[in-house]
Amino acid sequence: MSWYEKKVGLALGGGGVRGLAHIGVIKVLEQENIGIDLIVGTSAGALIGGAYAAGLSVREITKRVDDYLKSPEFEDSSIRAIGESFSKAQKTFLQRAQIFVRNQYYLARALCRPSILPSEDFQSLINYLLPDMDIRDTRIPFSAVSTDLLTGKQIVFSEGPIRQAVLASSSVPGAAEPVRVGQWLLADGGVTSLVPVHAARKAGAQVVIAVMVDRELPADADIETAKDVLYRAGEITANALQEAELRGAEVVIRPDLGSMHWSDFSRAAELVKIGEDAAREALDHVHGSLGLSRRVARFARRMFVEFKSPR
């Protein structure tokens, strides 16, 4: 990178299955020859970003996701079962009864265990997508953001086993068991940074492209009970912190994912396309944020393609 170029960092946010939209964003950036110098991910962003940083192509990542969704591991997983509960697809009476019984089991489990879902299910997904390697060996410099439940501090992994770092980054509080690494007890990076803009900046990014896939703060929430009030207050606090961090990014891409639940895999095939559409809408802003030489190089490539095209 020359002195007149800006180092570009991709900050990929968390959001469960909604994070599959990151694949579409990366696909468009790649097609536009927008070089990514570093990637920092939280939760689902760490999973997709880690796979791409490790050297997998967009096509390979998409195939691995498809393979996982067709695998016995997914069919038998509690992740799929939880997702069915929140899916808007039509259900038979028997399916609704099964979901009710399952939910009662998960509720009982939550009262005596540190998580509703077994960590093996999350580990299985991570093993499908990520190679077994050290973060220092990735093709693109990569970091995964997590949160230490003991100190409340943000922990950023830029070395060590990539699978362990991503598992810690994506251990949703209450849903997945915290990960013990040394003196830390680690949970989802989204607790301290849902879209890791600051971490990307600290890693050396001069231009940060942030991708936010979590749900927007709903304006029509039903607030009737004390539980509703407490939950809403937490949502407002998290949203305010998230928006404050996003203001530090040069570009913010927000795929239109509606109110899809983080564990609902029933629309997984749509998410990549939604990410592509959002990235294309942001392209002018992206190109305007890049250094001079990158814009000149892009113009030269476009002219070369037009020159080579048959008249």
Protein backbone atom coordinates (compact mmCIF):
# COMPACT_ATOMS: atom_id res chain seq x y z
CA MET A 1 0.00 0.00 0.00
CA SER A 2 1.41 3.41 -1.03
CA TRP A 3 1.39 6.54 1.11
CA TYR A 4 -1.48 8.00 -0.93
CA GLU A 5 -3.69 4.95 -0.42
CA LYS A 6 -5.90 4.43 2.59
CA LYS A 7 -5.96 1.14 4.46
CA VAL A 8 -9.50 -0.27 4.25
CA GLY A 9 -10.98 -2.22 7.14
CA LEU A 10 -14.20 -4.23 7.08
CA ALA A 11 -16.14 -4.23 10.38
CA LEU A 12 -18.74 -7.01 10.29
CA GLY A 13 -21.45 -6.93 12.93
CA GLY A 14 -23.31 -9.66 14.76
CA GLY A 15 -26.85 -10.80 14.17
CA GLY A 16 -27.02 -14.59 14.06
CA VAL A 17 -28.26 -16.04 10.79
CA ARG A 18 -28.78 -12.48 9.56
CA GLY A 19 -24.98 -12.39 9.26
CA LEU A 20 -25.23 -14.43 6.05
CA ALA A 21 -25.89 -11.07 4.40
CA HIS A 22 -22.19 -10.35 4.97
CA ILE A 23 -21.44 -12.86 2.20
CA GLY A 24 -23.34 -10.72 -0.29
CA VAL A 25 -21.58 -7.55 0.83
CA ILE A 26 -18.14 -9.15 0.45
CA LYS A 27 -19.15 -10.52 -2.96
CA VAL A 28 -19.95 -7.05 -4.28
CA LEU A 29 -16.80 -5.46 -2.82
CA GLU A 30 -14.77 -8.20 -4.49
CA GLN A 31 -16.53 -7.73 -7.83
CA GLU A 32 -15.79 -4.00 -7.63
CA ASN A 33 -12.10 -4.73 -6.96
CA ILE A 34 -12.26 -2.97 -3.61
CA GLY A 35 -9.33 -4.44 -1.73
CA ILE A 36 -9.88 -5.20 1.95
CA ASP A 37 -6.73 -4.75 4.03
CA LEU A 38 -8.12 -6.10 7.31
CA ILE A 39 -11.30 -7.62 8.73
CA VAL A 40 -12.70 -7.37 12.25
CA GLY A 41 -15.82 -9.33 13.16
CA THR A 42 -18.27 -9.71 16.00
CA SER A 43 -20.29 -12.91 16.40
CA ALA A 44 -21.74 -13.84 12.98
CA GLY A 45 -19.46 -11.20 11.48
CA ALA A 46 -16.48 -13.01 12.98
CA LEU A 47 -17.68 -16.30 11.45
CA ILE A 48 -18.16 -15.00 7.90
CA GLY A 49 -15.26 -12.55 8.08
CA GLY A 50 -12.97 -15.22 9.50
CA ALA A 51 -13.83 -17.63 6.69
CA TYR A 52 -13.08 -15.02 4.04
CA ALA A 53 -9.91 -13.85 5.77
CA ALA A 54 -8.73 -17.46 6.00
CA GLY A 55 -8.74 -17.69 2.21
CA LEU A 56 -12.15 -19.14 1.35
CA SER A 57 -13.83 -17.60 -1.68
CA VAL A 58 -17.38 -16.27 -1.57
CA ARG A 59 -18.47 -19.34 -3.54
CA GLU A 60 -16.75 -21.69 -1.08
CA ILE A 61 -18.30 -19.96 1.94
CA THR A 62 -21.76 -20.14 0.37
CA LYS A 63 -21.29 -23.84 -0.41
CA ARG A 64 -20.14 -24.60 3.12
CA VAL A 65 -23.21 -22.85 4.53
CA ASP A 66 -25.45 -24.85 2.18
CA ASP A 67 -23.69 -28.08 3.13
CA TYR A 68 -24.14 -27.34 6.83
CA LEU A 69 -27.87 -26.63 6.43
CA LYS A 70 -28.26 -30.03 4.73
CA SER A 71 -26.10 -31.89 7.23
CA PRO A 72 -27.22 -34.32 9.96
CA GLU A 73 -25.47 -32.05 12.47
CA PHE A 74 -27.82 -29.19 11.63
CA GLU A 75 -30.91 -31.40 11.39
CA ASP A 76 -30.28 -32.71 14.91
CA SER A 77 -29.18 -29.38 16.38
CA SER A 78 -30.94 -27.20 18.90
CA ILE A 79 -30.10 -24.21 16.67
CA ARG A 80 -32.50 -25.52 14.02
CA ALA A 81 -35.13 -26.30 16.65
CA ILE A 82 -34.97 -22.80 18.13
CA GLY A 83 -35.12 -21.31 14.65
CA GLU A 84 -38.30 -23.21 13.86
CA SER A 85 -39.95 -21.61 16.88
CA PHE A 86 -39.42 -18.14 15.42
CA SER A 87 -39.96 -18.98 11.77
CA LYS A 88 -43.06 -17.39 10.23
CA ALA A 89 -43.65 -20.43 8.02
CA GLN A 90 -47.02 -22.16 8.42
CA LYS A 91 -46.97 -24.98 10.98
CA THR A 92 -49.25 -27.96 11.59
CA PHE A 93 -50.84 -28.59 14.98
CA LEU A 94 -48.28 -31.34 15.66
CA GLN A 95 -45.39 -29.01 14.83
CA ARG A 96 -46.77 -26.33 17.14
CA ALA A 97 -47.13 -28.89 19.93
CA GLN A 98 -43.56 -30.09 19.43
CA ILE A 99 -42.29 -26.50 19.54
CA PHE A 100 -44.21 -25.85 22.78
CA VAL A 101 -42.73 -28.90 24.50
CA ARG A 102 -39.26 -28.05 23.23
CA ASN A 103 -39.53 -24.47 24.49
CA GLN A 104 -40.53 -25.69 27.94
CA TYR A 105 -37.44 -27.89 27.98
CA TYR A 106 -35.19 -24.96 27.00
CA LEU A 107 -36.80 -22.80 29.70
CA ALA A 108 -36.13 -25.46 32.33
CA ARG A 109 -32.55 -25.85 31.07
CA ALA A 110 -31.97 -22.11 31.39
CA LEU A 111 -32.79 -22.26 35.11
CA CYS A 112 -30.02 -24.73 35.92
CA ARG A 113 -27.40 -24.36 33.16
CA PRO A 114 -25.30 -21.40 31.88
CA SER A 115 -26.91 -21.67 28.44
CA ILE A 116 -30.09 -22.79 26.71
CA LEU A 117 -28.25 -24.44 23.82
CA PRO A 118 -25.29 -26.85 23.97
CA SER A 119 -22.01 -25.31 22.81
CA GLU A 120 -21.41 -28.36 20.58
CA ASP A 121 -24.04 -27.08 18.15
CA PHE A 122 -22.25 -23.75 17.72
CA GLN A 123 -18.91 -25.51 17.45
CA SER A 124 -20.27 -27.77 14.70
CA LEU A 125 -21.30 -24.75 12.60
CA ILE A 126 -17.92 -23.08 13.14
CA ASN A 127 -16.04 -26.25 12.17
CA TYR A 128 -18.03 -26.47 8.92
CA LEU A 129 -17.11 -22.93 7.87
CA LEU A 130 -13.64 -22.34 9.28
CA PRO A 131 -10.37 -24.18 8.67
CA ASP A 132 -8.38 -25.28 11.72
CA MET A 133 -5.65 -22.62 11.71
CA ASP A 134 -4.06 -19.80 13.68
CA ILE A 135 -5.37 -16.29 13.11
CA ARG A 136 -1.83 -15.12 12.33
CA ASP A 137 -1.86 -17.35 9.23
CA THR A 138 -4.96 -15.86 7.58
CA ARG A 139 -4.69 -14.43 4.06
CA ILE A 140 -6.16 -11.12 5.24
CA PRO A 141 -5.32 -9.79 8.74
CA PHE A 142 -8.26 -10.73 10.96
CA SER A 143 -9.52 -10.08 14.48
CA ALA A 144 -12.53 -11.43 16.39
CA VAL A 145 -14.19 -9.40 19.15
CA SER A 146 -15.45 -10.98 22.37
CA THR A 147 -16.46 -9.83 25.87
CA ASP A 148 -15.03 -10.94 29.20
CA LEU A 149 -17.98 -11.51 31.54
CA LEU A 150 -15.72 -11.19 34.61
CA THR A 151 -14.18 -7.78 33.93
CA GLY A 152 -16.66 -6.42 31.40
CA LYS A 153 -13.80 -5.62 29.03
CA GLN A 154 -13.70 -6.12 25.30
CA ILE A 155 -11.26 -8.83 24.22
CA VAL A 156 -9.93 -8.75 20.65
CA PHE A 157 -8.29 -11.90 19.29
CA SER A 158 -5.68 -11.32 16.58
CA GLU A 159 -3.76 -14.53 17.22
CA GLY A 160 -4.46 -18.05 18.43
CA PRO A 161 -6.87 -20.72 17.11
CA ILE A 162 -9.39 -19.05 14.82
CA ARG A 163 -12.16 -21.50 15.69
CA GLN A 164 -11.82 -20.82 19.41
CA ALA A 165 -11.79 -17.05 18.84
CA VAL A 166 -14.94 -17.17 16.70
CA LEU A 167 -16.73 -19.47 19.17
CA ALA A 168 -16.01 -16.98 21.96
CA SER A 169 -17.10 -14.07 19.76
CA SER A 170 -20.42 -15.75 18.90
CA SER A 171 -21.40 -17.17 22.31
CA VAL A 172 -24.73 -15.36 22.63
CA PRO A 173 -25.39 -14.71 26.35
CA GLY A 174 -27.93 -17.16 27.67
CA ALA A 175 -28.14 -19.07 24.40
CA ALA A 176 -24.56 -20.37 24.22
CA GLU A 177 -22.26 -21.31 27.06
CA PRO A 178 -19.45 -18.81 27.80
CA VAL A 179 -15.99 -19.88 26.63
CA ARG A 180 -13.17 -20.13 29.16
CA VAL A 181 -9.82 -18.91 27.75
CA GLY A 182 -7.13 -18.45 30.39
CA GLN A 183 -8.39 -15.99 33.00
CA TRP A 184 -11.26 -14.84 30.77
CA LEU A 185 -14.86 -16.07 30.68
CA LEU A 186 -15.91 -15.00 27.22
CA ALA A 187 -19.28 -14.23 25.67
CA ASP A 188 -20.55 -12.65 22.46
CA GLY A 189 -18.61 -9.61 21.28
CA GLY A 190 -21.92 -7.86 20.66
CA VAL A 191 -22.22 -7.21 24.42
CA THR A 192 -19.53 -4.52 24.10
CA SER A 193 -19.42 -3.87 20.33
CA LEU A 194 -22.12 -5.13 18.01
CA VAL A 195 -20.35 -3.64 14.97
CA PRO A 196 -16.60 -3.43 15.77
CA VAL A 197 -15.76 -0.07 14.20
CA HIS A 198 -13.41 1.03 17.00
CA ALA A 199 -11.56 -2.31 16.93
CA ALA A 200 -11.07 -1.97 13.15
CA ARG A 201 -9.68 1.51 13.65
CA LYS A 202 -7.29 0.28 16.35
CA ALA A 203 -6.16 -2.47 13.97
CA GLY A 204 -4.99 0.23 11.55
CA ALA A 205 -7.95 0.90 9.26
CA GLN A 206 -8.09 4.43 7.85
CA VAL A 207 -11.36 3.75 6.04
CA VAL A 208 -13.86 1.58 7.91
CA ILE A 209 -16.71 -0.06 6.01
CA ALA A 210 -19.16 -1.19 8.68
CA VAL A 211 -21.91 -3.72 7.99
CA MET A 212 -24.81 -3.72 10.45
CA VAL A 213 -27.09 -6.77 10.26
CA ASP A 214 -28.79 -6.65 13.66
CA ARG A 215 -32.42 -5.59 13.96
CA GLU A 216 -33.18 -1.87 14.03
CA LEU A 217 -34.90 -0.53 17.13
CA PRO A 218 -38.62 -1.23 16.44
CA ALA A 219 -40.88 1.82 16.68
CA ASP A 220 -44.07 -0.17 17.36
CA ALA A 221 -43.04 -2.24 20.38
CA ASP A 222 -45.76 -3.53 22.72
CA ILE A 223 -44.92 -2.25 26.20
CA GLU A 224 -47.47 -3.52 28.70
CA THR A 225 -45.63 -5.32 31.52
CA ALA A 226 -42.62 -4.63 33.73
CA LYS A 227 -40.68 -7.20 31.70
CA ASP A 228 -41.53 -5.30 28.50
CA VAL A 229 -40.29 -2.04 30.03
CA LEU A 230 -37.01 -3.59 31.17
CA TYR A 231 -36.44 -5.29 27.82
CA ARG A 232 -37.21 -2.08 25.93
CA ALA A 233 -34.83 -0.09 28.11
CA GLY A 234 -32.07 -2.58 27.33
CA GLU A 235 -32.82 -2.32 23.60
CA ILE A 236 -32.62 1.47 23.72
CA THR A 237 -29.28 1.41 25.55
CA ALA A 238 -27.79 -1.13 23.13
CA ASN A 239 -29.07 0.80 20.12
CA ALA A 240 -27.63 4.10 21.39
CA LEU A 241 -24.20 2.54 21.96
CA GLN A 242 -24.31 0.88 18.54
CA GLU A 243 -25.22 4.07 16.70
CA ALA A 244 -22.48 5.98 18.52
CA GLU A 245 -19.91 3.45 17.34
CA LEU A 246 -21.25 3.42 13.78
CA ARG A 247 -20.70 7.17 13.56
CA GLY A 248 -16.98 6.39 13.59
CA ALA A 249 -17.19 4.54 10.26
CA GLU A 250 -16.72 6.17 6.86
CA VAL A 251 -19.33 3.86 5.31
CA VAL A 252 -22.23 2.03 6.98
CA ILE A 253 -24.05 -0.69 5.03
CA ARG A 254 -27.41 -1.78 6.45
CA PRO A 255 -28.99 -4.75 4.63
CA ASP A 256 -32.78 -4.62 4.85
CA LEU A 257 -33.43 -7.75 6.92
CA GLY A 258 -36.65 -6.72 8.61
CA SER A 259 -37.45 -8.42 11.91
CA MET A 260 -35.96 -11.84 11.08
CA HIS A 261 -34.93 -13.68 14.26
CA TRP A 262 -31.23 -14.42 14.72
CA SER A 263 -31.83 -18.20 14.66
CA ASP A 264 -34.40 -18.44 11.84
CA PHE A 265 -32.67 -20.32 9.00
CA SER A 266 -35.84 -20.67 6.91
CA ARG A 267 -34.87 -17.70 4.67
CA ALA A 268 -31.13 -18.29 4.62
CA ALA A 269 -31.02 -18.41 0.82
CA GLU A 270 -32.36 -14.84 0.55
CA LEU A 271 -29.81 -13.25 2.84
CA VAL A 272 -26.82 -13.24 0.49
CA LYS A 273 -28.89 -11.43 -2.17
CA ILE A 274 -30.12 -8.87 0.38
CA GLY A 275 -26.50 -8.19 1.35
CA GLU A 276 -25.56 -7.76 -2.31
CA ASP A 277 -28.36 -5.24 -2.88
CA ALA A 278 -27.36 -3.18 0.17
CA ALA A 279 -23.70 -3.14 -0.88
CA ARG A 280 -24.53 -2.00 -4.40
CA GLU A 281 -26.63 0.85 -3.04
CA ALA A 282 -23.63 1.99 -0.96
CA LEU A 283 -21.01 1.73 -3.74
CA ASP A 284 -20.83 5.45 -4.54
CA HIS A 285 -20.19 6.18 -0.87
CA VAL A 286 -17.61 3.40 -0.69
CA HIS A 287 -15.67 4.61 -3.72
CA GLY A 288 -15.81 8.19 -2.49
CA SER A 289 -14.13 7.14 0.75
CA LEU A 290 -11.16 5.39 -0.87
CA GLY A 291 -7.73 6.86 -1.54
CA LEU A 292 -6.93 8.52 -4.87
CA SER A 293 -4.89 5.66 -6.30
CA ARG A 294 -7.67 3.11 -5.68
CA ARG A 295 -10.17 5.29 -7.55
CA VAL A 296 -7.71 5.80 -10.43
CA ALA A 297 -7.00 2.05 -10.58
CA ARG A 298 -10.73 1.29 -10.67
CA PHE A 299 -11.23 3.80 -13.49
CA ALA A 300 -8.34 2.25 -15.44
CA ARG A 301 -9.78 -1.24 -15.04
CA ARG A 302 -13.18 -0.05 -16.24
CA MET A 303 -11.64 1.60 -19.31
CA PHE A 304 -9.67 -1.57 -20.05
CA VAL A 305 -12.82 -3.70 -19.89
CA GLU A 306 -14.69 -1.29 -22.17
CA PHE A 307 -11.77 -1.25 -24.62
CA LYS A 308 -11.65 -5.06 -24.73
CA SER A 309 -15.41 -5.42 -25.15
CA PRO A 310 -16.65 -6.01 -28.71
CA ARG A 311 -18.28 -3.00 -30.30
